[in-house]
Amino acid sequence: SKLDNLYRQIILDHSSHPHHYGTLDQSSQQIELNNPTCGDVIHLELAIDDQGLIQDIAFHGHGCSISTASASMMTDAVIGK
């Protein structure tokens, strides 16, 4: 269906060109997340302001296309929150 194709294209785009991929110059929080079943590893960095809002975010690591796309979409969703 057209909707399935749209979702597939969004996942492929985020996987091929992940948003906020890399590291931050200054971060206030860092965490490494891993999935022992498939071997995905994501290192997440956050810059949080005095009000507790996420001002900037970055991630790096390795994983499947779904893992990378999910991390990319999550970074877009949480900035400013």
PDB file of N, CA and C in Angstrom:
ATOM      1  N   SER A   1       0.833  -1.187   0.000  1.00  0.00           N
ATOM      2  CA  SER A   1       0.000   0.000   0.000  1.00  0.00           C
ATOM      3  C   SER A   1       0.876   1.248   0.000  1.00  0.00           C
ATOM      4  N   LYS A   2       0.278   2.377  -0.278  1.00  0.00           N
ATOM      5  CA  LYS A   2       1.015   3.641  -0.292  1.00  0.00           C
ATOM      6  C   LYS A   2       1.536   3.997   1.093  1.00  0.00           C
ATOM      7  N   LEU A   3       0.749   3.696   2.130  1.00  0.00           N
ATOM      8  CA  LEU A   3       1.176   3.995   3.493  1.00  0.00           C
ATOM      9  C   LEU A   3       2.373   3.136   3.887  1.00  0.00           C
ATOM     10  N   ASP A   4       2.367   1.858   3.546  1.00  0.00           N
ATOM     11  CA  ASP A   4       3.509   0.981   3.817  1.00  0.00           C
ATOM     12  C   ASP A   4       4.756   1.495   3.114  1.00  0.00           C
ATOM     13  N   ASN A   5       4.598   1.918   1.872  1.00  0.00           N
ATOM     14  CA  ASN A   5       5.734   2.458   1.122  1.00  0.00           C
ATOM     15  C   ASN A   5       6.261   3.735   1.759  1.00  0.00           C
ATOM     16  N   LEU A   6       5.371   4.581   2.265  1.00  0.00           N
ATOM     17  CA  LEU A   6       5.783   5.804   2.935  1.00  0.00           C
ATOM     18  C   LEU A   6       6.584   5.480   4.189  1.00  0.00           C
ATOM     19  N   TYR A   7       6.074   4.574   5.029  1.00  0.00           N
ATOM     20  CA  TYR A   7       6.796   4.182   6.239  1.00  0.00           C
ATOM     21  C   TYR A   7       8.149   3.574   5.896  1.00  0.00           C
ATOM     22  N   ARG A   8       8.193   2.737   4.891  1.00  0.00           N
ATOM     23  CA  ARG A   8       9.442   2.112   4.466  1.00  0.00           C
ATOM     24  C   ARG A   8      10.443   3.185   4.029  1.00  0.00           C
ATOM     25  N   GLN A   9       9.988   4.172   3.269  1.00  0.00           N
ATOM     26  CA  GLN A   9      10.864   5.238   2.800  1.00  0.00           C
ATOM     27  C   GLN A   9      11.384   6.085   3.955  1.00  0.00           C
ATOM     28  N   ILE A  10      10.524   6.371   4.936  1.00  0.00           N
ATOM     29  CA  ILE A  10      10.955   7.140   6.108  1.00  0.00           C
ATOM     30  C   ILE A  10      12.034   6.380   6.870  1.00  0.00           C
ATOM     31  N   ILE A  11      11.838   5.097   7.079  1.00  0.00           N
ATOM     32  CA  ILE A  11      12.830   4.276   7.787  1.00  0.00           C
ATOM     33  C   ILE A  11      14.137   4.235   7.008  1.00  0.00           C
ATOM     34  N   LEU A  12      14.073   4.023   5.714  1.00  0.00           N
ATOM     35  CA  LEU A  12      15.287   3.979   4.895  1.00  0.00           C
ATOM     36  C   LEU A  12      16.014   5.316   4.916  1.00  0.00           C
ATOM     37  N   ASP A  13      15.269   6.418   4.863  1.00  0.00           N
ATOM     38  CA  ASP A  13      15.891   7.742   4.890  1.00  0.00           C
ATOM     39  C   ASP A  13      16.602   7.985   6.216  1.00  0.00           C
ATOM     40  N   HIS A  14      15.935   7.693   7.334  1.00  0.00           N
ATOM     41  CA  HIS A  14      16.558   7.890   8.649  1.00  0.00           C
ATOM     42  C   HIS A  14      17.733   6.939   8.857  1.00  0.00           C
ATOM     43  N   SER A  15      17.669   5.762   8.295  1.00  0.00           N
ATOM     44  CA  SER A  15      18.767   4.809   8.423  1.00  0.00           C
ATOM     45  C   SER A  15      19.976   5.245   7.598  1.00  0.00           C
ATOM     46  N   SER A  16      19.731   5.716   6.391  1.00  0.00           N
ATOM     47  CA  SER A  16      20.820   6.134   5.497  1.00  0.00           C
ATOM     48  C   SER A  16      21.399   7.492   5.870  1.00  0.00           C
ATOM     49  N   HIS A  17      20.553   8.375   6.391  1.00  0.00           N
ATOM     50  CA  HIS A  17      20.960   9.742   6.736  1.00  0.00           C
ATOM     51  C   HIS A  17      20.411  10.091   8.117  1.00  0.00           C
ATOM     52  N   PRO A  18      20.954   9.451   9.167  1.00  0.00           N
ATOM     53  CA  PRO A  18      20.393   9.660  10.505  1.00  0.00           C
ATOM     54  C   PRO A  18      20.556  11.102  10.980  1.00  0.00           C
ATOM     55  N   HIS A  19      19.510  11.617  11.587  1.00  0.00           N
ATOM     56  CA  HIS A  19      19.528  12.957  12.168  1.00  0.00           C
ATOM     57  C   HIS A  19      20.243  12.900  13.514  1.00  0.00           C
ATOM     58  N   HIS A  20      21.012  13.932  13.816  1.00  0.00           N
ATOM     59  CA  HIS A  20      21.690  14.075  15.109  1.00  0.00           C
ATOM     60  C   HIS A  20      22.698  12.951  15.361  1.00  0.00           C
ATOM     61  N   TYR A  21      23.282  12.402  14.301  1.00  0.00           N
ATOM     62  CA  TYR A  21      24.283  11.345  14.459  1.00  0.00           C
ATOM     63  C   TYR A  21      25.632  11.998  14.732  1.00  0.00           C
ATOM     64  N   GLY A  22      26.324  11.528  15.742  1.00  0.00           N
ATOM     65  CA  GLY A  22      27.635  12.060  16.086  1.00  0.00           C
ATOM     66  C   GLY A  22      27.750  12.244  17.582  1.00  0.00           C
ATOM     67  N   THR A  23      28.505  13.261  17.968  1.00  0.00           N
ATOM     68  CA  THR A  23      28.705  13.552  19.388  1.00  0.00           C
ATOM     69  C   THR A  23      28.452  15.031  19.635  1.00  0.00           C
ATOM     70  N   LEU A  24      28.224  15.379  20.893  1.00  0.00           N
ATOM     71  CA  LEU A  24      28.051  16.770  21.292  1.00  0.00           C
ATOM     72  C   LEU A  24      29.358  17.296  21.858  1.00  0.00           C
ATOM     73  N   ASP A  25      29.617  18.594  21.664  1.00  0.00           N
ATOM     74  CA  ASP A  25      30.793  19.210  22.275  1.00  0.00           C
ATOM     75  C   ASP A  25      30.670  19.196  23.793  1.00  0.00           C
ATOM     76  N   GLN A  26      29.464  19.481  24.279  1.00  0.00           N
ATOM     77  CA  GLN A  26      29.205  19.458  25.718  1.00  0.00           C
ATOM     78  C   GLN A  26      27.878  18.752  25.953  1.00  0.00           C
ATOM     79  N   SER A  27      27.913  17.743  26.795  1.00  0.00           N
ATOM     80  CA  SER A  27      26.679  17.036  27.136  1.00  0.00           C
ATOM     81  C   SER A  27      26.558  16.948  28.648  1.00  0.00           C
ATOM     82  N   SER A  28      25.329  16.981  29.132  1.00  0.00           N
ATOM     83  CA  SER A  28      25.110  16.871  30.569  1.00  0.00           C
ATOM     84  C   SER A  28      24.741  15.453  30.983  1.00  0.00           C
ATOM     85  N   GLN A  29      24.309  14.646  30.024  1.00  0.00           N
ATOM     86  CA  GLN A  29      23.957  13.254  30.303  1.00  0.00           C
ATOM     87  C   GLN A  29      24.429  12.375  29.155  1.00  0.00           C
ATOM     88  N   GLN A  30      24.927  11.199  29.493  1.00  0.00           N
ATOM     89  CA  GLN A  30      25.324  10.215  28.489  1.00  0.00           C
ATOM     90  C   GLN A  30      24.887   8.835  28.960  1.00  0.00           C
ATOM     91  N   ILE A  31      24.507   8.017  28.006  1.00  0.00           N
ATOM     92  CA  ILE A  31      24.142   6.640  28.334  1.00  0.00           C
ATOM     93  C   ILE A  31      24.443   5.764  27.128  1.00  0.00           C
ATOM     94  N   GLU A  32      24.861   4.549  27.405  1.00  0.00           N
ATOM     95  CA  GLU A  32      25.056   3.573  26.338  1.00  0.00           C
ATOM     96  C   GLU A  32      23.995   2.492  26.488  1.00  0.00           C
ATOM     97  N   LEU A  33      23.304   2.228  25.409  1.00  0.00           N
ATOM     98  CA  LEU A  33      22.234   1.234  25.399  1.00  0.00           C
ATOM     99  C   LEU A  33      22.622   0.123  24.449  1.00  0.00           C
ATOM    100  N   ASN A  34      22.361  -1.120  24.839  1.00  0.00           N
ATOM    101  CA  ASN A  34      22.683  -2.214  23.932  1.00  0.00           C
ATOM    102  C   ASN A  34      21.614  -3.288  23.988  1.00  0.00           C
ATOM    103  N   ASN A  35      21.538  -3.998  22.889  1.00  0.00           N
ATOM    104  CA  ASN A  35      20.622  -5.122  22.770  1.00  0.00           C
ATOM    105  C   ASN A  35      21.480  -6.370  22.614  1.00  0.00           C
ATOM    106  N   PRO A  36      21.629  -7.163  23.665  1.00  0.00           N
ATOM    107  CA  PRO A  36      22.501  -8.332  23.594  1.00  0.00           C
ATOM    108  C   PRO A  36      22.014  -9.393  22.605  1.00  0.00           C
ATOM    109  N   THR A  37      20.745  -9.362  22.275  1.00  0.00           N
ATOM    110  CA  THR A  37      20.204 -10.355  21.343  1.00  0.00           C
ATOM    111  C   THR A  37      20.745 -10.161  19.937  1.00  0.00           C
ATOM    112  N   CYS A  38      20.768  -8.902  19.475  1.00  0.00           N
ATOM    113  CA  CYS A  38      21.201  -8.654  18.093  1.00  0.00           C
ATOM    114  C   CYS A  38      22.521  -7.906  18.005  1.00  0.00           C
ATOM    115  N   GLY A  39      23.029  -7.380  19.118  1.00  0.00           N
ATOM    116  CA  GLY A  39      24.319  -6.708  19.118  1.00  0.00           C
ATOM    117  C   GLY A  39      24.274  -5.218  18.841  1.00  0.00           C
ATOM    118  N   ASP A  40      23.089  -4.624  18.734  1.00  0.00           N
ATOM    119  CA  ASP A  40      22.992  -3.179  18.525  1.00  0.00           C
ATOM    120  C   ASP A  40      23.538  -2.451  19.745  1.00  0.00           C
ATOM    121  N   VAL A  41      24.312  -1.382  19.500  1.00  0.00           N
ATOM    122  CA  VAL A  41      24.828  -0.530  20.572  1.00  0.00           C
ATOM    123  C   VAL A  41      24.606   0.921  20.160  1.00  0.00           C
ATOM    124  N   ILE A  42      23.954   1.683  21.024  1.00  0.00           N
ATOM    125  CA  ILE A  42      23.703   3.103  20.780  1.00  0.00           C
ATOM    126  C   ILE A  42      24.235   3.884  21.979  1.00  0.00           C
ATOM    127  N   HIS A  43      25.058   4.877  21.698  1.00  0.00           N
ATOM    128  CA  HIS A  43      25.551   5.790  22.729  1.00  0.00           C
ATOM    129  C   HIS A  43      24.787   7.095  22.546  1.00  0.00           C
ATOM    130  N   LEU A  44      24.084   7.526  23.585  1.00  0.00           N
ATOM    131  CA  LEU A  44      23.215   8.693  23.521  1.00  0.00           C
ATOM    132  C   LEU A  44      23.790   9.795  24.396  1.00  0.00           C
ATOM    133  N   GLU A  45      23.847  11.017  23.858  1.00  0.00           N
ATOM    134  CA  GLU A  45      24.330  12.181  24.595  1.00  0.00           C
ATOM    135  C   GLU A  45      23.248  13.253  24.582  1.00  0.00           C
ATOM    136  N   LEU A  46      23.041  13.890  25.740  1.00  0.00           N
ATOM    137  CA  LEU A  46      22.012  14.925  25.868  1.00  0.00           C
ATOM    138  C   LEU A  46      22.604  16.183  26.482  1.00  0.00           C
ATOM    139  N   ALA A  47      22.166  17.328  25.988  1.00  0.00           N
ATOM    140  CA  ALA A  47      22.444  18.611  26.623  1.00  0.00           C
ATOM    141  C   ALA A  47      21.115  19.093  27.195  1.00  0.00           C
ATOM    142  N   ILE A  48      21.043  19.163  28.514  1.00  0.00           N
ATOM    143  CA  ILE A  48      19.800  19.508  29.209  1.00  0.00           C
ATOM    144  C   ILE A  48      19.966  20.871  29.874  1.00  0.00           C
ATOM    145  N   ASP A  49      18.982  21.766  29.683  1.00  0.00           N
ATOM    146  CA  ASP A  49      19.076  23.111  30.245  1.00  0.00           C
ATOM    147  C   ASP A  49      18.609  23.138  31.702  1.00  0.00           C
ATOM    148  N   ASP A  50      18.627  24.344  32.284  1.00  0.00           N
ATOM    149  CA  ASP A  50      18.272  24.513  33.699  1.00  0.00           C
ATOM    150  C   ASP A  50      16.821  24.160  34.008  1.00  0.00           C
ATOM    151  N   GLN A  51      15.952  24.202  33.008  1.00  0.00           N
ATOM    152  CA  GLN A  51      14.552  23.835  33.208  1.00  0.00           C
ATOM    153  C   GLN A  51      14.309  22.341  32.979  1.00  0.00           C
ATOM    154  N   GLY A  52      15.370  21.608  32.662  1.00  0.00           N
ATOM    155  CA  GLY A  52      15.241  20.178  32.433  1.00  0.00           C
ATOM    156  C   GLY A  52      14.817  19.805  31.024  1.00  0.00           C
ATOM    157  N   LEU A  53      14.896  20.770  30.092  1.00  0.00           N
ATOM    158  CA  LEU A  53      14.524  20.508  28.702  1.00  0.00           C
ATOM    159  C   LEU A  53      15.740  20.094  27.883  1.00  0.00           C
ATOM    160  N   ILE A  54      15.532  19.206  26.945  1.00  0.00           N
ATOM    161  CA  ILE A  54      16.616  18.740  26.074  1.00  0.00           C
ATOM    162  C   ILE A  54      16.882  19.811  25.022  1.00  0.00           C
ATOM    163  N   GLN A  55      18.050  20.436  25.105  1.00  0.00           N
ATOM    164  CA  GLN A  55      18.427  21.476  24.153  1.00  0.00           C
ATOM    165  C   GLN A  55      19.125  20.907  22.925  1.00  0.00           C
ATOM    166  N   ASP A  56      19.851  19.814  23.114  1.00  0.00           N
ATOM    167  CA  ASP A  56      20.546  19.173  21.998  1.00  0.00           C
ATOM    168  C   ASP A  56      20.709  17.699  22.327  1.00  0.00           C
ATOM    169  N   ILE A  57      20.869  16.913  21.289  1.00  0.00           N
ATOM    170  CA  ILE A  57      20.977  15.467  21.456  1.00  0.00           C
ATOM    171  C   ILE A  57      21.802  14.912  20.308  1.00  0.00           C
ATOM    172  N   ALA A  58      22.528  13.858  20.580  1.00  0.00           N
ATOM    173  CA  ALA A  58      23.291  13.170  19.537  1.00  0.00           C
ATOM    174  C   ALA A  58      23.385  11.699  19.909  1.00  0.00           C
ATOM    175  N   PHE A  59      23.590  10.880  18.883  1.00  0.00           N
ATOM    176  CA  PHE A  59      23.806   9.458  19.130  1.00  0.00           C
ATOM    177  C   PHE A  59      24.823   8.935  18.137  1.00  0.00           C
ATOM    178  N   HIS A  60      25.486   7.873  18.537  1.00  0.00           N
ATOM    179  CA  HIS A  60      26.358   7.140  17.625  1.00  0.00           C
ATOM    180  C   HIS A  60      26.402   5.693  18.096  1.00  0.00           C
ATOM    181  N   GLY A  61      26.899   4.846  17.262  1.00  0.00           N
ATOM    182  CA  GLY A  61      26.974   3.428  17.578  1.00  0.00           C
ATOM    183  C   GLY A  61      26.763   2.609  16.331  1.00  0.00           C
ATOM    184  N   HIS A  62      26.399   1.363  16.532  1.00  0.00           N
ATOM    185  CA  HIS A  62      26.154   0.498  15.383  1.00  0.00           C
ATOM    186  C   HIS A  62      24.931  -0.367  15.657  1.00  0.00           C
ATOM    187  N   GLY A  63      24.232  -0.645  14.599  1.00  0.00           N
ATOM    188  CA  GLY A  63      23.039  -1.467  14.720  1.00  0.00           C
ATOM    189  C   GLY A  63      22.385  -1.636  13.365  1.00  0.00           C
ATOM    190  N   CYS A  64      21.297  -2.334  13.358  1.00  0.00           N
ATOM    191  CA  CYS A  64      20.562  -2.568  12.118  1.00  0.00           C
ATOM    192  C   CYS A  64      19.888  -1.272  11.661  1.00  0.00           C
ATOM    193  N   SER A  65      19.326  -1.300  10.481  1.00  0.00           N
ATOM    194  CA  SER A  65      18.688  -0.099   9.939  1.00  0.00           C
ATOM    195  C   SER A  65      17.502   0.342  10.795  1.00  0.00           C
ATOM    196  N   ILE A  66      16.764  -0.591  11.360  1.00  0.00           N
ATOM    197  CA  ILE A  66      15.627  -0.232  12.218  1.00  0.00           C
ATOM    198  C   ILE A  66      16.118   0.462  13.491  1.00  0.00           C
ATOM    199  N   SER A  67      17.194  -0.035  14.075  1.00  0.00           N
ATOM    200  CA  SER A  67      17.755   0.566  15.278  1.00  0.00           C
ATOM    201  C   SER A  67      18.237   1.989  15.002  1.00  0.00           C
ATOM    202  N   THR A  68      18.977   2.169  13.918  1.00  0.00           N
ATOM    203  CA  THR A  68      19.493   3.490  13.560  1.00  0.00           C
ATOM    204  C   THR A  68      18.351   4.451  13.242  1.00  0.00           C
ATOM    205  N   ALA A  69      17.383   3.998  12.458  1.00  0.00           N
ATOM    206  CA  ALA A  69      16.244   4.848  12.108  1.00  0.00           C
ATOM    207  C   ALA A  69      15.447   5.228  13.354  1.00  0.00           C
ATOM    208  N   SER A  70      15.254   4.291  14.261  1.00  0.00           N
ATOM    209  CA  SER A  70      14.503   4.568  15.490  1.00  0.00           C
ATOM    210  C   SER A  70      15.216   5.608  16.343  1.00  0.00           C
ATOM    211  N   ALA A  71      16.529   5.476  16.483  1.00  0.00           N
ATOM    212  CA  ALA A  71      17.296   6.451  17.260  1.00  0.00           C
ATOM    213  C   ALA A  71      17.218   7.829  16.607  1.00  0.00           C
ATOM    214  N   SER A  72      17.322   7.875  15.297  1.00  0.00           N
ATOM    215  CA  SER A  72      17.237   9.138  14.564  1.00  0.00           C
ATOM    216  C   SER A  72      15.881   9.811  14.769  1.00  0.00           C
ATOM    217  N   MET A  73      14.811   9.057  14.624  1.00  0.00           N
ATOM    218  CA  MET A  73      13.469   9.615  14.799  1.00  0.00           C
ATOM    219  C   MET A  73      13.232  10.049  16.241  1.00  0.00           C
ATOM    220  N   MET A  74      13.766   9.293  17.196  1.00  0.00           N
ATOM    221  CA  MET A  74      13.617   9.647  18.605  1.00  0.00           C
ATOM    222  C   MET A  74      14.311  10.977  18.892  1.00  0.00           C
ATOM    223  N   THR A  75      15.499  11.196  18.321  1.00  0.00           N
ATOM    224  CA  THR A  75      16.200  12.456  18.578  1.00  0.00           C
ATOM    225  C   THR A  75      15.389  13.641  18.076  1.00  0.00           C
ATOM    226  N   ASP A  76      14.756  13.496  16.916  1.00  0.00           N
ATOM    227  CA  ASP A  76      13.897  14.568  16.403  1.00  0.00           C
ATOM    228  C   ASP A  76      12.727  14.831  17.347  1.00  0.00           C
ATOM    229  N   ALA A  77      12.177  13.790  17.920  1.00  0.00           N
ATOM    230  CA  ALA A  77      10.960  13.907  18.730  1.00  0.00           C
ATOM    231  C   ALA A  77      11.194  14.531  20.103  1.00  0.00           C
ATOM    232  N   VAL A  78      12.398  14.397  20.670  1.00  0.00           N
ATOM    233  CA  VAL A  78      12.588  14.814  22.066  1.00  0.00           C
ATOM    234  C   VAL A  78      13.244  16.184  22.243  1.00  0.00           C
ATOM    235  N   ILE A  79      13.811  16.758  21.201  1.00  0.00           N
ATOM    236  CA  ILE A  79      14.446  18.073  21.363  1.00  0.00           C
ATOM    237  C   ILE A  79      13.392  19.090  21.794  1.00  0.00           C
ATOM    238  N   GLY A  80      13.750  19.849  22.817  1.00  0.00           N
ATOM    239  CA  GLY A  80      12.837  20.861  23.345  1.00  0.00           C
ATOM    240  C   GLY A  80      11.859  20.336  24.377  1.00  0.00           C
ATOM    241  N   LYS A  81      11.965  19.082  24.699  1.00  0.00           N
ATOM    242  CA  LYS A  81      11.038  18.480  25.670  1.00  0.00           C
ATOM    243  C   LYS A  81      11.765  18.096  26.940  1.00  0.00           C
TER     244      LYS A  81
END
